[in-house]
Amino acid sequence: MTTQTQAQSTESTEVTAVYQVTGMTCGHCEGAVAGEISGIAGVTSVQAVAATGQVTVMSQAPLDEEAVRAAVDEAGYELTGQA
């Protein structure tokens, strides 16, 4: 039974994904990308770093990459894939 309890507790663990985004050059860019991705259902945290082009997203469940791509496109940048 202990294994079952542990499995249930790990199901609520957040998922972290890192994406590569091109075109971000400043803090405003980071905010625009993070703001759009934050609007995706289930997203709990977003950190965008213009210097590396990486966006770290924490969510309640794995995200559909096309939803992330659409959010990045809406912000005016390009998602090149997972980092």
PDB file of N, CA and C in Angstrom:
ATOM      1  N   MET A   1       0.806  -1.194   0.000  1.00  0.00           N
ATOM      2  CA  MET A   1       0.000   0.000   0.000  1.00  0.00           C
ATOM      3  C   MET A   1       0.851   1.260   0.000  1.00  0.00           C
ATOM      4  N   THR A   2       1.983   1.200   0.587  1.00  0.00           N
ATOM      5  CA  THR A   2       2.854   2.363   0.627  1.00  0.00           C
ATOM      6  C   THR A   2       3.219   2.804  -0.786  1.00  0.00           C
ATOM      7  N   THR A   3       3.493   1.868  -1.668  1.00  0.00           N
ATOM      8  CA  THR A   3       3.840   2.196  -3.043  1.00  0.00           C
ATOM      9  C   THR A   3       2.710   2.954  -3.723  1.00  0.00           C
ATOM     10  N   GLN A   4       1.468   2.528  -3.483  1.00  0.00           N
ATOM     11  CA  GLN A   4       0.324   3.213  -4.070  1.00  0.00           C
ATOM     12  C   GLN A   4       0.237   4.656  -3.583  1.00  0.00           C
ATOM     13  N   THR A   5       0.433   4.870  -2.292  1.00  0.00           N
ATOM     14  CA  THR A   5       0.379   6.218  -1.725  1.00  0.00           C
ATOM     15  C   THR A   5       1.472   7.083  -2.332  1.00  0.00           C
ATOM     16  N   GLN A   6       2.670   6.534  -2.478  1.00  0.00           N
ATOM     17  CA  GLN A   6       3.753   7.306  -3.068  1.00  0.00           C
ATOM     18  C   GLN A   6       3.459   7.644  -4.521  1.00  0.00           C
ATOM     19  N   ALA A   7       2.886   6.719  -5.253  1.00  0.00           N
ATOM     20  CA  ALA A   7       2.555   6.968  -6.651  1.00  0.00           C
ATOM     21  C   ALA A   7       1.531   8.079  -6.765  1.00  0.00           C
ATOM     22  N   GLN A   8       0.566   8.099  -5.869  1.00  0.00           N
ATOM     23  CA  GLN A   8      -0.447   9.148  -5.910  1.00  0.00           C
ATOM     24  C   GLN A   8       0.171  10.509  -5.625  1.00  0.00           C
ATOM     25  N   SER A   9       1.110  10.579  -4.699  1.00  0.00           N
ATOM     26  CA  SER A   9       1.711  11.862  -4.360  1.00  0.00           C
ATOM     27  C   SER A   9       2.605  12.367  -5.489  1.00  0.00           C
ATOM     28  N   THR A  10       3.224  11.475  -6.271  1.00  0.00           N
ATOM     29  CA  THR A  10       4.080  11.930  -7.359  1.00  0.00           C
ATOM     30  C   THR A  10       3.264  12.391  -8.558  1.00  0.00           C
ATOM     31  N   GLU A  11       2.003  11.969  -8.660  1.00  0.00           N
ATOM     32  CA  GLU A  11       1.163  12.401  -9.774  1.00  0.00           C
ATOM     33  C   GLU A  11       0.893  13.897  -9.733  1.00  0.00           C
ATOM     34  N   SER A  12       0.935  14.501  -8.561  1.00  0.00           N
ATOM     35  CA  SER A  12       0.665  15.929  -8.451  1.00  0.00           C
ATOM     36  C   SER A  12       1.941  16.757  -8.613  1.00  0.00           C
ATOM     37  N   THR A  13       3.061  16.114  -8.893  1.00  0.00           N
ATOM     38  CA  THR A  13       4.329  16.808  -9.081  1.00  0.00           C
ATOM     39  C   THR A  13       4.279  17.609 -10.383  1.00  0.00           C
ATOM     40  N   GLU A  14       4.820  18.818 -10.325  1.00  0.00           N
ATOM     41  CA  GLU A  14       4.824  19.656 -11.514  1.00  0.00           C
ATOM     42  C   GLU A  14       5.822  19.143 -12.548  1.00  0.00           C
ATOM     43  N   VAL A  15       5.541  19.458 -13.793  1.00  0.00           N
ATOM     44  CA  VAL A  15       6.388  19.089 -14.918  1.00  0.00           C
ATOM     45  C   VAL A  15       7.158  20.338 -15.340  1.00  0.00           C
ATOM     46  N   THR A  16       8.459  20.175 -15.577  1.00  0.00           N
ATOM     47  CA  THR A  16       9.284  21.290 -16.035  1.00  0.00           C
ATOM     48  C   THR A  16       9.747  21.007 -17.457  1.00  0.00           C
ATOM     49  N   ALA A  17       9.589  21.986 -18.332  1.00  0.00           N
ATOM     50  CA  ALA A  17      10.064  21.871 -19.707  1.00  0.00           C
ATOM     51  C   ALA A  17      10.824  23.140 -20.057  1.00  0.00           C
ATOM     52  N   VAL A  18      11.892  22.988 -20.825  1.00  0.00           N
ATOM     53  CA  VAL A  18      12.689  24.134 -21.256  1.00  0.00           C
ATOM     54  C   VAL A  18      12.595  24.225 -22.770  1.00  0.00           C
ATOM     55  N   TYR A  19      12.212  25.405 -23.247  1.00  0.00           N
ATOM     56  CA  TYR A  19      12.046  25.641 -24.683  1.00  0.00           C
ATOM     57  C   TYR A  19      13.069  26.659 -25.156  1.00  0.00           C
ATOM     58  N   GLN A  20      13.431  26.565 -26.427  1.00  0.00           N
ATOM     59  CA  GLN A  20      14.341  27.528 -27.045  1.00  0.00           C
ATOM     60  C   GLN A  20      13.508  28.476 -27.900  1.00  0.00           C
ATOM     61  N   VAL A  21      13.671  29.782 -27.650  1.00  0.00           N
ATOM     62  CA  VAL A  21      12.905  30.806 -28.361  1.00  0.00           C
ATOM     63  C   VAL A  21      13.886  31.793 -28.990  1.00  0.00           C
ATOM     64  N   THR A  22      13.687  32.116 -30.255  1.00  0.00           N
ATOM     65  CA  THR A  22      14.555  33.091 -30.916  1.00  0.00           C
ATOM     66  C   THR A  22      13.864  34.440 -30.991  1.00  0.00           C
ATOM     67  N   GLY A  23      14.691  35.486 -30.968  1.00  0.00           N
ATOM     68  CA  GLY A  23      14.189  36.846 -31.132  1.00  0.00           C
ATOM     69  C   GLY A  23      14.107  37.667 -29.854  1.00  0.00           C
ATOM     70  N   MET A  24      14.229  37.031 -28.690  1.00  0.00           N
ATOM     71  CA  MET A  24      14.173  37.785 -27.431  1.00  0.00           C
ATOM     72  C   MET A  24      15.508  38.512 -27.232  1.00  0.00           C
ATOM     73  N   THR A  25      15.436  39.809 -26.959  1.00  0.00           N
ATOM     74  CA  THR A  25      16.665  40.585 -26.773  1.00  0.00           C
ATOM     75  C   THR A  25      16.702  41.380 -25.471  1.00  0.00           C
ATOM     76  N   CYS A  26      15.574  41.456 -24.748  1.00  0.00           N
ATOM     77  CA  CYS A  26      15.542  42.317 -23.558  1.00  0.00           C
ATOM     78  C   CYS A  26      14.478  41.852 -22.569  1.00  0.00           C
ATOM     79  N   GLY A  27      14.376  42.558 -21.470  1.00  0.00           N
ATOM     80  CA  GLY A  27      13.394  42.243 -20.444  1.00  0.00           C
ATOM     81  C   GLY A  27      11.966  42.342 -20.943  1.00  0.00           C
ATOM     82  N   HIS A  28      11.693  43.289 -21.825  1.00  0.00           N
ATOM     83  CA  HIS A  28      10.348  43.412 -22.389  1.00  0.00           C
ATOM     84  C   HIS A  28       9.992  42.152 -23.173  1.00  0.00           C
ATOM     85  N   CYS A  29      10.952  41.651 -23.935  1.00  0.00           N
ATOM     86  CA  CYS A  29      10.743  40.417 -24.702  1.00  0.00           C
ATOM     87  C   CYS A  29      10.434  39.259 -23.761  1.00  0.00           C
ATOM     88  N   GLU A  30      11.222  39.149 -22.693  1.00  0.00           N
ATOM     89  CA  GLU A  30      11.010  38.084 -21.714  1.00  0.00           C
ATOM     90  C   GLU A  30       9.596  38.155 -21.145  1.00  0.00           C
ATOM     91  N   GLY A  31       9.161  39.368 -20.807  1.00  0.00           N
ATOM     92  CA  GLY A  31       7.828  39.551 -20.234  1.00  0.00           C
ATOM     93  C   GLY A  31       6.724  39.202 -21.211  1.00  0.00           C
ATOM     94  N   ALA A  32       6.912  39.556 -22.474  1.00  0.00           N
ATOM     95  CA  ALA A  32       5.900  39.264 -23.490  1.00  0.00           C
ATOM     96  C   ALA A  32       5.740  37.760 -23.678  1.00  0.00           C
ATOM     97  N   VAL A  33       6.861  37.052 -23.774  1.00  0.00           N
ATOM     98  CA  VAL A  33       6.815  35.592 -23.958  1.00  0.00           C
ATOM     99  C   VAL A  33       6.234  34.923 -22.715  1.00  0.00           C
ATOM    100  N   ALA A  34       6.726  35.316 -21.543  1.00  0.00           N
ATOM    101  CA  ALA A  34       6.241  34.711 -20.296  1.00  0.00           C
ATOM    102  C   ALA A  34       4.753  34.982 -20.103  1.00  0.00           C
ATOM    103  N   GLY A  35       4.306  36.162 -20.447  1.00  0.00           N
ATOM    104  CA  GLY A  35       2.895  36.507 -20.294  1.00  0.00           C
ATOM    105  C   GLY A  35       1.989  35.652 -21.151  1.00  0.00           C
ATOM    106  N   GLU A  36       2.387  35.433 -22.393  1.00  0.00           N
ATOM    107  CA  GLU A  36       1.568  34.609 -23.291  1.00  0.00           C
ATOM    108  C   GLU A  36       1.552  33.147 -22.852  1.00  0.00           C
ATOM    109  N   ILE A  37       2.712  32.614 -22.479  1.00  0.00           N
ATOM    110  CA  ILE A  37       2.767  31.211 -22.059  1.00  0.00           C
ATOM    111  C   ILE A  37       2.007  31.012 -20.752  1.00  0.00           C
ATOM    112  N   SER A  38       2.037  32.007 -19.876  1.00  0.00           N
ATOM    113  CA  SER A  38       1.309  31.910 -18.601  1.00  0.00           C
ATOM    114  C   SER A  38      -0.186  31.714 -18.804  1.00  0.00           C
ATOM    115  N   GLY A  39      -0.696  32.121 -19.948  1.00  0.00           N
ATOM    116  CA  GLY A  39      -2.108  31.992 -20.244  1.00  0.00           C
ATOM    117  C   GLY A  39      -2.542  30.584 -20.629  1.00  0.00           C
ATOM    118  N   ILE A  40      -1.601  29.683 -20.816  1.00  0.00           N
ATOM    119  CA  ILE A  40      -1.938  28.299 -21.174  1.00  0.00           C
ATOM    120  C   ILE A  40      -2.439  27.586 -19.922  1.00  0.00           C
ATOM    121  N   ALA A  41      -3.543  26.889 -20.054  1.00  0.00           N
ATOM    122  CA  ALA A  41      -4.130  26.159 -18.918  1.00  0.00           C
ATOM    123  C   ALA A  41      -3.114  25.194 -18.316  1.00  0.00           C
ATOM    124  N   GLY A  42      -2.994  25.232 -17.000  1.00  0.00           N
ATOM    125  CA  GLY A  42      -2.113  24.325 -16.289  1.00  0.00           C
ATOM    126  C   GLY A  42      -0.730  24.873 -15.999  1.00  0.00           C
ATOM    127  N   VAL A  43      -0.353  25.985 -16.647  1.00  0.00           N
ATOM    128  CA  VAL A  43       0.973  26.566 -16.419  1.00  0.00           C
ATOM    129  C   VAL A  43       0.999  27.231 -15.047  1.00  0.00           C
ATOM    130  N   THR A  44       2.022  26.916 -14.263  1.00  0.00           N
ATOM    131  CA  THR A  44       2.139  27.478 -12.917  1.00  0.00           C
ATOM    132  C   THR A  44       3.285  28.471 -12.789  1.00  0.00           C
ATOM    133  N   SER A  45       4.281  28.395 -13.688  1.00  0.00           N
ATOM    134  CA  SER A  45       5.433  29.285 -13.601  1.00  0.00           C
ATOM    135  C   SER A  45       6.130  29.352 -14.952  1.00  0.00           C
ATOM    136  N   VAL A  46       6.614  30.559 -15.304  1.00  0.00           N
ATOM    137  CA  VAL A  46       7.364  30.736 -16.550  1.00  0.00           C
ATOM    138  C   VAL A  46       8.548  31.644 -16.265  1.00  0.00           C
ATOM    139  N   GLN A  47       9.723  31.245 -16.733  1.00  0.00           N
ATOM    140  CA  GLN A  47      10.899  32.094 -16.629  1.00  0.00           C
ATOM    141  C   GLN A  47      11.548  32.151 -18.003  1.00  0.00           C
ATOM    142  N   ALA A  48      11.589  33.345 -18.586  1.00  0.00           N
ATOM    143  CA  ALA A  48      12.215  33.545 -19.885  1.00  0.00           C
ATOM    144  C   ALA A  48      13.529  34.299 -19.685  1.00  0.00           C
ATOM    145  N   VAL A  49      14.581  33.883 -20.391  1.00  0.00           N
ATOM    146  CA  VAL A  49      15.890  34.520 -20.289  1.00  0.00           C
ATOM    147  C   VAL A  49      16.342  34.902 -21.696  1.00  0.00           C
ATOM    148  N   ALA A  50      16.341  36.194 -21.981  1.00  0.00           N
ATOM    149  CA  ALA A  50      16.689  36.673 -23.316  1.00  0.00           C
ATOM    150  C   ALA A  50      18.124  36.309 -23.695  1.00  0.00           C
ATOM    151  N   ALA A  51      19.047  36.375 -22.747  1.00  0.00           N
ATOM    152  CA  ALA A  51      20.460  36.122 -23.031  1.00  0.00           C
ATOM    153  C   ALA A  51      20.702  34.726 -23.598  1.00  0.00           C
ATOM    154  N   THR A  52      19.939  33.749 -23.135  1.00  0.00           N
ATOM    155  CA  THR A  52      20.118  32.367 -23.606  1.00  0.00           C
ATOM    156  C   THR A  52      19.035  31.946 -24.588  1.00  0.00           C
ATOM    157  N   GLY A  53      17.926  32.687 -24.613  1.00  0.00           N
ATOM    158  CA  GLY A  53      16.794  32.312 -25.449  1.00  0.00           C
ATOM    159  C   GLY A  53      15.985  31.172 -24.869  1.00  0.00           C
ATOM    160  N   GLN A  54      16.268  30.829 -23.615  1.00  0.00           N
ATOM    161  CA  GLN A  54      15.567  29.703 -23.008  1.00  0.00           C
ATOM    162  C   GLN A  54      14.389  30.167 -22.160  1.00  0.00           C
ATOM    163  N   VAL A  55      13.318  29.400 -22.252  1.00  0.00           N
ATOM    164  CA  VAL A  55      12.113  29.649 -21.469  1.00  0.00           C
ATOM    165  C   VAL A  55      11.809  28.377 -20.688  1.00  0.00           C
ATOM    166  N   THR A  56      11.819  28.496 -19.369  1.00  0.00           N
ATOM    167  CA  THR A  56      11.531  27.365 -18.494  1.00  0.00           C
ATOM    168  C   THR A  56      10.083  27.465 -18.047  1.00  0.00           C
ATOM    169  N   VAL A  57       9.324  26.419 -18.304  1.00  0.00           N
ATOM    170  CA  VAL A  57       7.896  26.418 -17.994  1.00  0.00           C
ATOM    171  C   VAL A  57       7.595  25.279 -17.023  1.00  0.00           C
ATOM    172  N   MET A  58       6.936  25.606 -15.927  1.00  0.00           N
ATOM    173  CA  MET A  58       6.462  24.591 -14.988  1.00  0.00           C
ATOM    174  C   MET A  58       4.955  24.513 -15.144  1.00  0.00           C
ATOM    175  N   SER A  59       4.452  23.282 -15.190  1.00  0.00           N
ATOM    176  CA  SER A  59       3.018  23.087 -15.380  1.00  0.00           C
ATOM    177  C   SER A  59       2.540  21.876 -14.598  1.00  0.00           C
ATOM    178  N   GLN A  60       1.228  21.784 -14.459  1.00  0.00           N
ATOM    179  CA  GLN A  60       0.625  20.684 -13.708  1.00  0.00           C
ATOM    180  C   GLN A  60       0.703  19.370 -14.470  1.00  0.00           C
ATOM    181  N   ALA A  61       0.828  19.445 -15.779  1.00  0.00           N
ATOM    182  CA  ALA A  61       0.912  18.262 -16.646  1.00  0.00           C
ATOM    183  C   ALA A  61       1.728  18.650 -17.872  1.00  0.00           C
ATOM    184  N   PRO A  62       2.253  17.682 -18.617  1.00  0.00           N
ATOM    185  CA  PRO A  62       2.998  18.021 -19.836  1.00  0.00           C
ATOM    186  C   PRO A  62       2.134  18.868 -20.774  1.00  0.00           C
ATOM    187  N   LEU A  63       2.769  19.864 -21.385  1.00  0.00           N
ATOM    188  CA  LEU A  63       2.051  20.766 -22.283  1.00  0.00           C
ATOM    189  C   LEU A  63       2.164  20.298 -23.724  1.00  0.00           C
ATOM    190  N   ASP A  64       1.162  20.644 -24.505  1.00  0.00           N
ATOM    191  CA  ASP A  64       1.190  20.410 -25.938  1.00  0.00           C
ATOM    192  C   ASP A  64       2.145  21.444 -26.536  1.00  0.00           C
ATOM    193  N   GLU A  65       3.198  20.987 -27.200  1.00  0.00           N
ATOM    194  CA  GLU A  65       4.187  21.920 -27.747  1.00  0.00           C
ATOM    195  C   GLU A  65       3.547  22.902 -28.727  1.00  0.00           C
ATOM    196  N   GLU A  66       2.520  22.485 -29.439  1.00  0.00           N
ATOM    197  CA  GLU A  66       1.856  23.400 -30.377  1.00  0.00           C
ATOM    198  C   GLU A  66       1.165  24.555 -29.641  1.00  0.00           C
ATOM    199  N   ALA A  67       0.655  24.305 -28.432  1.00  0.00           N
ATOM    200  CA  ALA A  67       0.050  25.375 -27.636  1.00  0.00           C
ATOM    201  C   ALA A  67       1.119  26.368 -27.203  1.00  0.00           C
ATOM    202  N   VAL A  68       2.281  25.860 -26.826  1.00  0.00           N
ATOM    203  CA  VAL A  68       3.391  26.741 -26.435  1.00  0.00           C
ATOM    204  C   VAL A  68       3.859  27.529 -27.652  1.00  0.00           C
ATOM    205  N   ARG A  69       3.967  26.853 -28.796  1.00  0.00           N
ATOM    206  CA  ARG A  69       4.391  27.521 -30.030  1.00  0.00           C
ATOM    207  C   ARG A  69       3.423  28.656 -30.399  1.00  0.00           C
ATOM    208  N   ALA A  70       2.130  28.400 -30.279  1.00  0.00           N
ATOM    209  CA  ALA A  70       1.126  29.417 -30.600  1.00  0.00           C
ATOM    210  C   ALA A  70       1.251  30.618 -29.661  1.00  0.00           C
ATOM    211  N   ALA A  71       1.511  30.365 -28.376  1.00  0.00           N
ATOM    212  CA  ALA A  71       1.667  31.453 -27.410  1.00  0.00           C
ATOM    213  C   ALA A  71       2.904  32.285 -27.728  1.00  0.00           C
ATOM    214  N   VAL A  72       4.006  31.622 -28.064  1.00  0.00           N
ATOM    215  CA  VAL A  72       5.241  32.332 -28.413  1.00  0.00           C
ATOM    216  C   VAL A  72       5.033  33.134 -29.695  1.00  0.00           C
ATOM    217  N   ASP A  73       4.362  32.549 -30.683  1.00  0.00           N
ATOM    218  CA  ASP A  73       4.049  33.264 -31.927  1.00  0.00           C
ATOM    219  C   ASP A  73       3.210  34.503 -31.643  1.00  0.00           C
ATOM    220  N   GLU A  74       2.234  34.369 -30.759  1.00  0.00           N
ATOM    221  CA  GLU A  74       1.358  35.493 -30.399  1.00  0.00           C
ATOM    222  C   GLU A  74       2.167  36.639 -29.789  1.00  0.00           C
ATOM    223  N   ALA A  75       3.218  36.292 -29.063  1.00  0.00           N
ATOM    224  CA  ALA A  75       4.089  37.308 -28.457  1.00  0.00           C
ATOM    225  C   ALA A  75       5.024  37.940 -29.492  1.00  0.00           C
ATOM    226  N   GLY A  76       5.120  37.327 -30.671  1.00  0.00           N
ATOM    227  CA  GLY A  76       5.955  37.875 -31.727  1.00  0.00           C
ATOM    228  C   GLY A  76       7.328  37.251 -31.845  1.00  0.00           C
ATOM    229  N   TYR A  77       7.501  36.063 -31.295  1.00  0.00           N
ATOM    230  CA  TYR A  77       8.802  35.392 -31.311  1.00  0.00           C
ATOM    231  C   TYR A  77       8.628  33.992 -31.901  1.00  0.00           C
ATOM    232  N   GLU A  78       9.750  33.254 -32.014  1.00  0.00           N
ATOM    233  CA  GLU A  78       9.677  31.937 -32.639  1.00  0.00           C
ATOM    234  C   GLU A  78      10.192  30.861 -31.705  1.00  0.00           C
ATOM    235  N   LEU A  79       9.375  29.843 -31.496  1.00  0.00           N
ATOM    236  CA  LEU A  79       9.777  28.672 -30.730  1.00  0.00           C
ATOM    237  C   LEU A  79      10.498  27.731 -31.664  1.00  0.00           C
ATOM    238  N   THR A  80      11.752  27.399 -31.329  1.00  0.00           N
ATOM    239  CA  THR A  80      12.495  26.492 -32.193  1.00  0.00           C
ATOM    240  C   THR A  80      12.455  25.064 -31.694  1.00  0.00           C
ATOM    241  N   GLY A  81      11.907  24.843 -30.477  1.00  0.00           N
ATOM    242  CA  GLY A  81      11.775  23.493 -29.947  1.00  0.00           C
ATOM    243  C   GLY A  81      12.191  23.444 -28.493  1.00  0.00           C
ATOM    244  N   GLN A  82      12.230  22.234 -27.958  1.00  0.00           N
ATOM    245  CA  GLN A  82      12.672  22.085 -26.579  1.00  0.00           C
ATOM    246  C   GLN A  82      14.186  22.166 -26.528  1.00  0.00           C
ATOM    247  N   ALA A  83      14.682  22.800 -25.485  1.00  0.00           N
ATOM    248  CA  ALA A  83      16.140  22.976 -25.335  1.00  0.00           C
ATOM    249  C   ALA A  83      16.766  21.722 -24.762  1.00  0.00           C
TER     250      ALA A  83
END
